[in-house]
Amino acid sequence: MTSTQHTYFQNMYALNADPWNFATSSYERRKYALTVNSLPRERYVNAFEPGCSIGVLSELLAPRCERLLATDIIPRALEQAISRLKALKNVVVERRTIPESWPDGLFDLVVLSEVAYYFDAETLGYVVTLIVRSTTPGSHVVGVHWRGETDYPLSGDRAHQLIDKNAALQRVVHHEEEKFVLDVWERTT
């Protein structure tokens, strides 16, 4: 399995505490608002957000979740997420690498925000298999990714095409703009 090396992310956060401007970018604010507003249900029991970075989207997801597990691999990002989310008692922040340390339990919401394209096609396929195994019918999977040029293993569009191929997931929301694509899939079988 191949994915973007951890050192890439370590270097990004070593140079800048918010390397993608999650907390300050109008692009990010709009994308996050659309992501949260695209959720088909008002409330989720147990949500998982791998690659939460500094926790900006996590903070917006939390009011919609009874429990939210927000994870990342970079200690500096996690420190900021913990600080940002400390008042939210329904949010658990952990250091985890996916797919290697996929959490136990069942989730009714999994949010892949700007993470799926860091995997190659085979690894993303395995991640989607893990998602299907850890959800039940009626659960939702959100994918939202940059559509521009990258040097990652996949483009945002290609990552969504690969997720869409899983027969247990049916796309229920699709939103596409020049800069990003947003899909919500429902677990059907």
C-alpha atoms as a PDB file:
ATOM      1  CA  MET A   1       0.000   0.000   0.000  1.00  0.00           C
ATOM      2  CA  THR A   2       1.167   3.483  -0.820  1.00  0.00           C
ATOM      3  CA  SER A   3       0.253   6.814   0.663  1.00  0.00           C
ATOM      4  CA  THR A   4       1.832  10.220   1.059  1.00  0.00           C
ATOM      5  CA  GLN A   5       4.705   9.965   3.531  1.00  0.00           C
ATOM      6  CA  HIS A   6       4.191  11.225   7.100  1.00  0.00           C
ATOM      7  CA  THR A   7       7.315  13.351   6.726  1.00  0.00           C
ATOM      8  CA  TYR A   8       5.484  15.456   4.120  1.00  0.00           C
ATOM      9  CA  PHE A   9       2.887  16.458   6.729  1.00  0.00           C
ATOM     10  CA  GLN A  10       5.481  16.876   9.488  1.00  0.00           C
ATOM     11  CA  ASN A  11       7.432  19.263   7.280  1.00  0.00           C
ATOM     12  CA  MET A  12       4.316  21.233   6.357  1.00  0.00           C
ATOM     13  CA  TYR A  13       3.369  21.768  10.024  1.00  0.00           C
ATOM     14  CA  ALA A  14       6.971  22.484  11.012  1.00  0.00           C
ATOM     15  CA  LEU A  15       6.959  25.449   8.611  1.00  0.00           C
ATOM     16  CA  ASN A  16       3.468  26.727   9.445  1.00  0.00           C
ATOM     17  CA  ALA A  17       1.005  25.932  12.264  1.00  0.00           C
ATOM     18  CA  ASP A  18      -1.861  26.115   9.725  1.00  0.00           C
ATOM     19  CA  PRO A  19      -0.213  25.242   6.394  1.00  0.00           C
ATOM     20  CA  TRP A  20      -3.458  25.143   4.390  1.00  0.00           C
ATOM     21  CA  ASN A  21      -5.034  28.185   6.112  1.00  0.00           C
ATOM     22  CA  PHE A  22      -7.940  26.140   7.465  1.00  0.00           C
ATOM     23  CA  ALA A  23      -8.714  28.728  10.145  1.00  0.00           C
ATOM     24  CA  THR A  24      -8.473  31.865   7.994  1.00  0.00           C
ATOM     25  CA  SER A  25      -9.339  31.058   4.375  1.00  0.00           C
ATOM     26  CA  SER A  26     -12.699  32.169   2.930  1.00  0.00           C
ATOM     27  CA  TYR A  27     -12.440  29.173   0.587  1.00  0.00           C
ATOM     28  CA  GLU A  28     -12.208  26.833   3.600  1.00  0.00           C
ATOM     29  CA  ARG A  29     -15.094  28.574   5.432  1.00  0.00           C
ATOM     30  CA  ARG A  30     -17.352  28.162   2.398  1.00  0.00           C
ATOM     31  CA  LYS A  31     -16.316  24.564   1.839  1.00  0.00           C
ATOM     32  CA  TYR A  32     -16.870  23.698   5.520  1.00  0.00           C
ATOM     33  CA  ALA A  33     -20.303  25.357   5.566  1.00  0.00           C
ATOM     34  CA  LEU A  34     -21.362  23.410   2.476  1.00  0.00           C
ATOM     35  CA  THR A  35     -19.964  20.203   3.974  1.00  0.00           C
ATOM     36  CA  VAL A  36     -21.945  20.540   7.192  1.00  0.00           C
ATOM     37  CA  ASN A  37     -25.082  21.690   5.374  1.00  0.00           C
ATOM     38  CA  SER A  38     -24.882  18.691   3.024  1.00  0.00           C
ATOM     39  CA  LEU A  39     -25.352  16.209   5.865  1.00  0.00           C
ATOM     40  CA  PRO A  40     -28.647  14.377   5.254  1.00  0.00           C
ATOM     41  CA  ARG A  41     -29.459  13.996   8.960  1.00  0.00           C
ATOM     42  CA  GLU A  42     -29.614  16.604  11.676  1.00  0.00           C
ATOM     43  CA  ARG A  43     -27.894  14.352  14.255  1.00  0.00           C
ATOM     44  CA  TYR A  44     -25.386  11.507  14.195  1.00  0.00           C
ATOM     45  CA  VAL A  45     -24.632   9.151  17.067  1.00  0.00           C
ATOM     46  CA  ASN A  46     -20.992   8.300  16.399  1.00  0.00           C
ATOM     47  CA  ALA A  47     -18.922  10.144  13.785  1.00  0.00           C
ATOM     48  CA  PHE A  48     -15.324   9.712  12.645  1.00  0.00           C
ATOM     49  CA  GLU A  49     -13.174  12.376  11.002  1.00  0.00           C
ATOM     50  CA  PRO A  50      -9.718  11.054  10.091  1.00  0.00           C
ATOM     51  CA  GLY A  51      -7.200  13.728   9.154  1.00  0.00           C
ATOM     52  CA  CYS A  52      -8.839  16.436  11.263  1.00  0.00           C
ATOM     53  CA  SER A  53      -5.714  18.639  11.190  1.00  0.00           C
ATOM     54  CA  ILE A  54      -6.208  21.594  13.561  1.00  0.00           C
ATOM     55  CA  GLY A  55      -9.894  20.806  14.148  1.00  0.00           C
ATOM     56  CA  VAL A  56     -11.656  23.601  12.272  1.00  0.00           C
ATOM     57  CA  LEU A  57     -14.152  21.323  10.503  1.00  0.00           C
ATOM     58  CA  SER A  58     -14.400  19.166  13.643  1.00  0.00           C
ATOM     59  CA  GLU A  59     -15.644  22.199  15.557  1.00  0.00           C
ATOM     60  CA  LEU A  60     -18.451  22.645  13.006  1.00  0.00           C
ATOM     61  CA  LEU A  61     -19.342  18.942  12.918  1.00  0.00           C
ATOM     62  CA  ALA A  62     -19.474  18.549  16.709  1.00  0.00           C
ATOM     63  CA  PRO A  63     -22.925  20.130  17.253  1.00  0.00           C
ATOM     64  CA  ARG A  64     -24.388  17.578  14.835  1.00  0.00           C
ATOM     65  CA  CYS A  65     -22.834  14.570  16.629  1.00  0.00           C
ATOM     66  CA  GLU A  66     -23.414  12.870  19.952  1.00  0.00           C
ATOM     67  CA  ARG A  67     -19.796  11.688  19.704  1.00  0.00           C
ATOM     68  CA  LEU A  68     -17.085  12.703  17.245  1.00  0.00           C
ATOM     69  CA  LEU A  69     -13.708  10.984  16.982  1.00  0.00           C
ATOM     70  CA  ALA A  70     -11.284  13.419  15.306  1.00  0.00           C
ATOM     71  CA  THR A  71      -7.844  12.034  14.450  1.00  0.00           C
ATOM     72  CA  ASP A  72      -4.615  13.090  12.805  1.00  0.00           C
ATOM     73  CA  ILE A  73      -1.032  11.851  12.553  1.00  0.00           C
ATOM     74  CA  ILE A  74       0.847  15.067  13.287  1.00  0.00           C
ATOM     75  CA  PRO A  75       1.362  16.030  16.953  1.00  0.00           C
ATOM     76  CA  ARG A  76       1.544  19.778  16.214  1.00  0.00           C
ATOM     77  CA  ALA A  77      -1.814  19.680  14.425  1.00  0.00           C
ATOM     78  CA  LEU A  78      -3.342  17.587  17.199  1.00  0.00           C
ATOM     79  CA  GLU A  79      -2.199  20.059  19.860  1.00  0.00           C
ATOM     80  CA  GLN A  80      -4.124  22.784  18.063  1.00  0.00           C
ATOM     81  CA  ALA A  81      -7.161  20.546  17.578  1.00  0.00           C
ATOM     82  CA  ILE A  82      -7.188  19.638  21.278  1.00  0.00           C
ATOM     83  CA  SER A  83      -7.002  23.308  22.233  1.00  0.00           C
ATOM     84  CA  ARG A  84      -9.732  24.301  19.762  1.00  0.00           C
ATOM     85  CA  LEU A  85     -12.063  21.448  20.790  1.00  0.00           C
ATOM     86  CA  LYS A  86     -11.417  21.205  24.546  1.00  0.00           C
ATOM     87  CA  ALA A  87     -14.775  22.727  25.525  1.00  0.00           C
ATOM     88  CA  LEU A  88     -16.672  20.212  23.389  1.00  0.00           C
ATOM     89  CA  LYS A  89     -17.218  17.214  25.665  1.00  0.00           C
ATOM     90  CA  ASN A  90     -18.593  15.081  22.823  1.00  0.00           C
ATOM     91  CA  VAL A  91     -15.321  15.253  20.840  1.00  0.00           C
ATOM     92  CA  VAL A  92     -12.420  12.851  21.310  1.00  0.00           C
ATOM     93  CA  VAL A  93      -9.125  13.788  19.637  1.00  0.00           C
ATOM     94  CA  GLU A  94      -6.574  11.015  19.051  1.00  0.00           C
ATOM     95  CA  ARG A  95      -3.396  10.388  17.139  1.00  0.00           C
ATOM     96  CA  ARG A  96      -4.131   7.696  14.570  1.00  0.00           C
ATOM     97  CA  THR A  97      -2.848   6.704  11.173  1.00  0.00           C
ATOM     98  CA  ILE A  98      -5.281   5.292   8.667  1.00  0.00           C
ATOM     99  CA  PRO A  99      -5.670   2.668   7.480  1.00  0.00           C
ATOM    100  CA  GLU A 100      -3.159   1.131   9.924  1.00  0.00           C
ATOM    101  CA  SER A 101      -4.899   2.131  13.152  1.00  0.00           C
ATOM    102  CA  TRP A 102      -8.509   2.234  12.057  1.00  0.00           C
ATOM    103  CA  PRO A 103     -10.708   2.613  15.175  1.00  0.00           C
ATOM    104  CA  ASP A 104     -12.988  -0.080  16.513  1.00  0.00           C
ATOM    105  CA  GLY A 105     -16.716   0.468  16.719  1.00  0.00           C
ATOM    106  CA  LEU A 106     -19.526   1.471  14.414  1.00  0.00           C
ATOM    107  CA  PHE A 107     -19.930   4.941  12.936  1.00  0.00           C
ATOM    108  CA  ASP A 108     -22.987   6.472  11.334  1.00  0.00           C
ATOM    109  CA  LEU A 109     -20.915   9.280   9.804  1.00  0.00           C
ATOM    110  CA  VAL A 110     -17.393   9.202   8.342  1.00  0.00           C
ATOM    111  CA  VAL A 111     -15.952  12.443   6.969  1.00  0.00           C
ATOM    112  CA  LEU A 112     -13.054  12.308   4.506  1.00  0.00           C
ATOM    113  CA  SER A 113     -12.158  15.967   4.128  1.00  0.00           C
ATOM    114  CA  GLU A 114      -9.002  16.507   2.096  1.00  0.00           C
ATOM    115  CA  VAL A 115      -7.545  13.082   2.967  1.00  0.00           C
ATOM    116  CA  ALA A 116      -8.580  10.501   0.338  1.00  0.00           C
ATOM    117  CA  TYR A 117      -6.223  11.773  -2.372  1.00  0.00           C
ATOM    118  CA  TYR A 118      -3.178  11.155  -0.186  1.00  0.00           C
ATOM    119  CA  PHE A 119      -3.623   7.399  -0.841  1.00  0.00           C
ATOM    120  CA  ASP A 120      -3.029   5.454  -3.998  1.00  0.00           C
ATOM    121  CA  ALA A 121      -6.039   3.690  -5.561  1.00  0.00           C
ATOM    122  CA  GLU A 122      -5.383   0.363  -3.821  1.00  0.00           C
ATOM    123  CA  THR A 123      -5.000   1.910  -0.377  1.00  0.00           C
ATOM    124  CA  LEU A 124      -8.056   4.116  -0.809  1.00  0.00           C
ATOM    125  CA  GLY A 125      -9.999   1.004  -1.810  1.00  0.00           C
ATOM    126  CA  TYR A 126      -8.915  -0.609   1.452  1.00  0.00           C
ATOM    127  CA  VAL A 127      -9.900   2.518   3.426  1.00  0.00           C
ATOM    128  CA  VAL A 128     -13.358   2.403   1.819  1.00  0.00           C
ATOM    129  CA  THR A 129     -13.624  -1.290   2.739  1.00  0.00           C
ATOM    130  CA  LEU A 130     -12.843  -0.346   6.353  1.00  0.00           C
ATOM    131  CA  ILE A 131     -15.495   2.376   6.217  1.00  0.00           C
ATOM    132  CA  VAL A 132     -18.090  -0.094   4.964  1.00  0.00           C
ATOM    133  CA  ARG A 133     -17.114  -2.593   7.680  1.00  0.00           C
ATOM    134  CA  SER A 134     -17.465   0.055  10.395  1.00  0.00           C
ATOM    135  CA  THR A 135     -20.822   1.463   9.293  1.00  0.00           C
ATOM    136  CA  THR A 136     -24.340   0.105   8.999  1.00  0.00           C
ATOM    137  CA  PRO A 137     -27.024   0.719   6.360  1.00  0.00           C
ATOM    138  CA  GLY A 138     -28.241   4.299   6.565  1.00  0.00           C
ATOM    139  CA  SER A 139     -24.837   5.647   7.629  1.00  0.00           C
ATOM    140  CA  HIS A 140     -23.252   8.466   5.637  1.00  0.00           C
ATOM    141  CA  VAL A 141     -19.788   8.966   4.183  1.00  0.00           C
ATOM    142  CA  VAL A 142     -18.708  12.472   3.186  1.00  0.00           C
ATOM    143  CA  GLY A 143     -15.909  13.166   0.756  1.00  0.00           C
ATOM    144  CA  VAL A 144     -14.754  16.711   0.029  1.00  0.00           C
ATOM    145  CA  HIS A 145     -11.532  17.378  -1.871  1.00  0.00           C
ATOM    146  CA  TRP A 146      -9.595  20.019  -3.775  1.00  0.00           C
ATOM    147  CA  ARG A 147      -9.890  19.594  -7.543  1.00  0.00           C
ATOM    148  CA  GLY A 148      -6.790  21.523  -8.549  1.00  0.00           C
ATOM    149  CA  GLU A 149      -3.369  20.276  -9.520  1.00  0.00           C
ATOM    150  CA  THR A 150      -1.498  18.341  -6.824  1.00  0.00           C
ATOM    151  CA  ASP A 151       1.465  16.024  -6.556  1.00  0.00           C
ATOM    152  CA  TYR A 152      -0.542  13.559  -4.413  1.00  0.00           C
ATOM    153  CA  PRO A 153      -1.186   9.992  -5.555  1.00  0.00           C
ATOM    154  CA  LEU A 154      -4.778  10.843  -6.630  1.00  0.00           C
ATOM    155  CA  SER A 155      -6.733  13.894  -7.688  1.00  0.00           C
ATOM    156  CA  GLY A 156      -9.839  14.871  -5.745  1.00  0.00           C
ATOM    157  CA  ASP A 157     -12.045  13.839  -8.663  1.00  0.00           C
ATOM    158  CA  ARG A 158     -10.317  10.459  -9.003  1.00  0.00           C
ATOM    159  CA  ALA A 159     -10.609   9.788  -5.253  1.00  0.00           C
ATOM    160  CA  HIS A 160     -14.374  10.380  -5.458  1.00  0.00           C
ATOM    161  CA  GLN A 161     -14.683   8.152  -8.531  1.00  0.00           C
ATOM    162  CA  LEU A 162     -12.982   5.339  -6.609  1.00  0.00           C
ATOM    163  CA  ILE A 163     -15.168   5.778  -3.520  1.00  0.00           C
ATOM    164  CA  ASP A 164     -18.232   5.804  -5.770  1.00  0.00           C
ATOM    165  CA  LYS A 165     -17.314   2.371  -7.147  1.00  0.00           C
ATOM    166  CA  ASN A 166     -18.044   0.616  -3.841  1.00  0.00           C
ATOM    167  CA  ALA A 167     -21.349  -1.229  -4.287  1.00  0.00           C
ATOM    168  CA  ALA A 168     -22.332  -0.716  -0.633  1.00  0.00           C
ATOM    169  CA  LEU A 169     -22.350   3.077  -1.070  1.00  0.00           C
ATOM    170  CA  GLN A 170     -24.871   5.130  -3.009  1.00  0.00           C
ATOM    171  CA  ARG A 171     -24.235   8.792  -3.706  1.00  0.00           C
ATOM    172  CA  VAL A 172     -27.044  10.965  -2.312  1.00  0.00           C
ATOM    173  CA  VAL A 173     -25.437  14.428  -2.582  1.00  0.00           C
ATOM    174  CA  HIS A 174     -23.098  15.757  -5.256  1.00  0.00           C
ATOM    175  CA  HIS A 175     -21.756  19.299  -5.377  1.00  0.00           C
ATOM    176  CA  GLU A 176     -19.009  20.326  -7.748  1.00  0.00           C
ATOM    177  CA  GLU A 177     -17.246  23.651  -8.106  1.00  0.00           C
ATOM    178  CA  GLU A 178     -14.104  24.686  -9.915  1.00  0.00           C
ATOM    179  CA  LYS A 179     -12.006  24.279  -6.773  1.00  0.00           C
ATOM    180  CA  PHE A 180     -13.583  21.356  -4.925  1.00  0.00           C
ATOM    181  CA  VAL A 181     -15.918  18.389  -5.172  1.00  0.00           C
ATOM    182  CA  LEU A 182     -18.259  17.346  -2.367  1.00  0.00           C
ATOM    183  CA  ASP A 183     -20.112  14.039  -2.254  1.00  0.00           C
ATOM    184  CA  VAL A 184     -22.183  12.296   0.377  1.00  0.00           C
ATOM    185  CA  TRP A 185     -22.760   8.573   0.069  1.00  0.00           C
ATOM    186  CA  GLU A 186     -25.243   6.485   2.014  1.00  0.00           C
ATOM    187  CA  ARG A 187     -24.385   2.972   3.093  1.00  0.00           C
ATOM    188  CA  THR A 188     -27.095   0.857   1.468  1.00  0.00           C
ATOM    189  CA  THR A 189     -26.205  -2.782   2.080  1.00  0.00           C
END
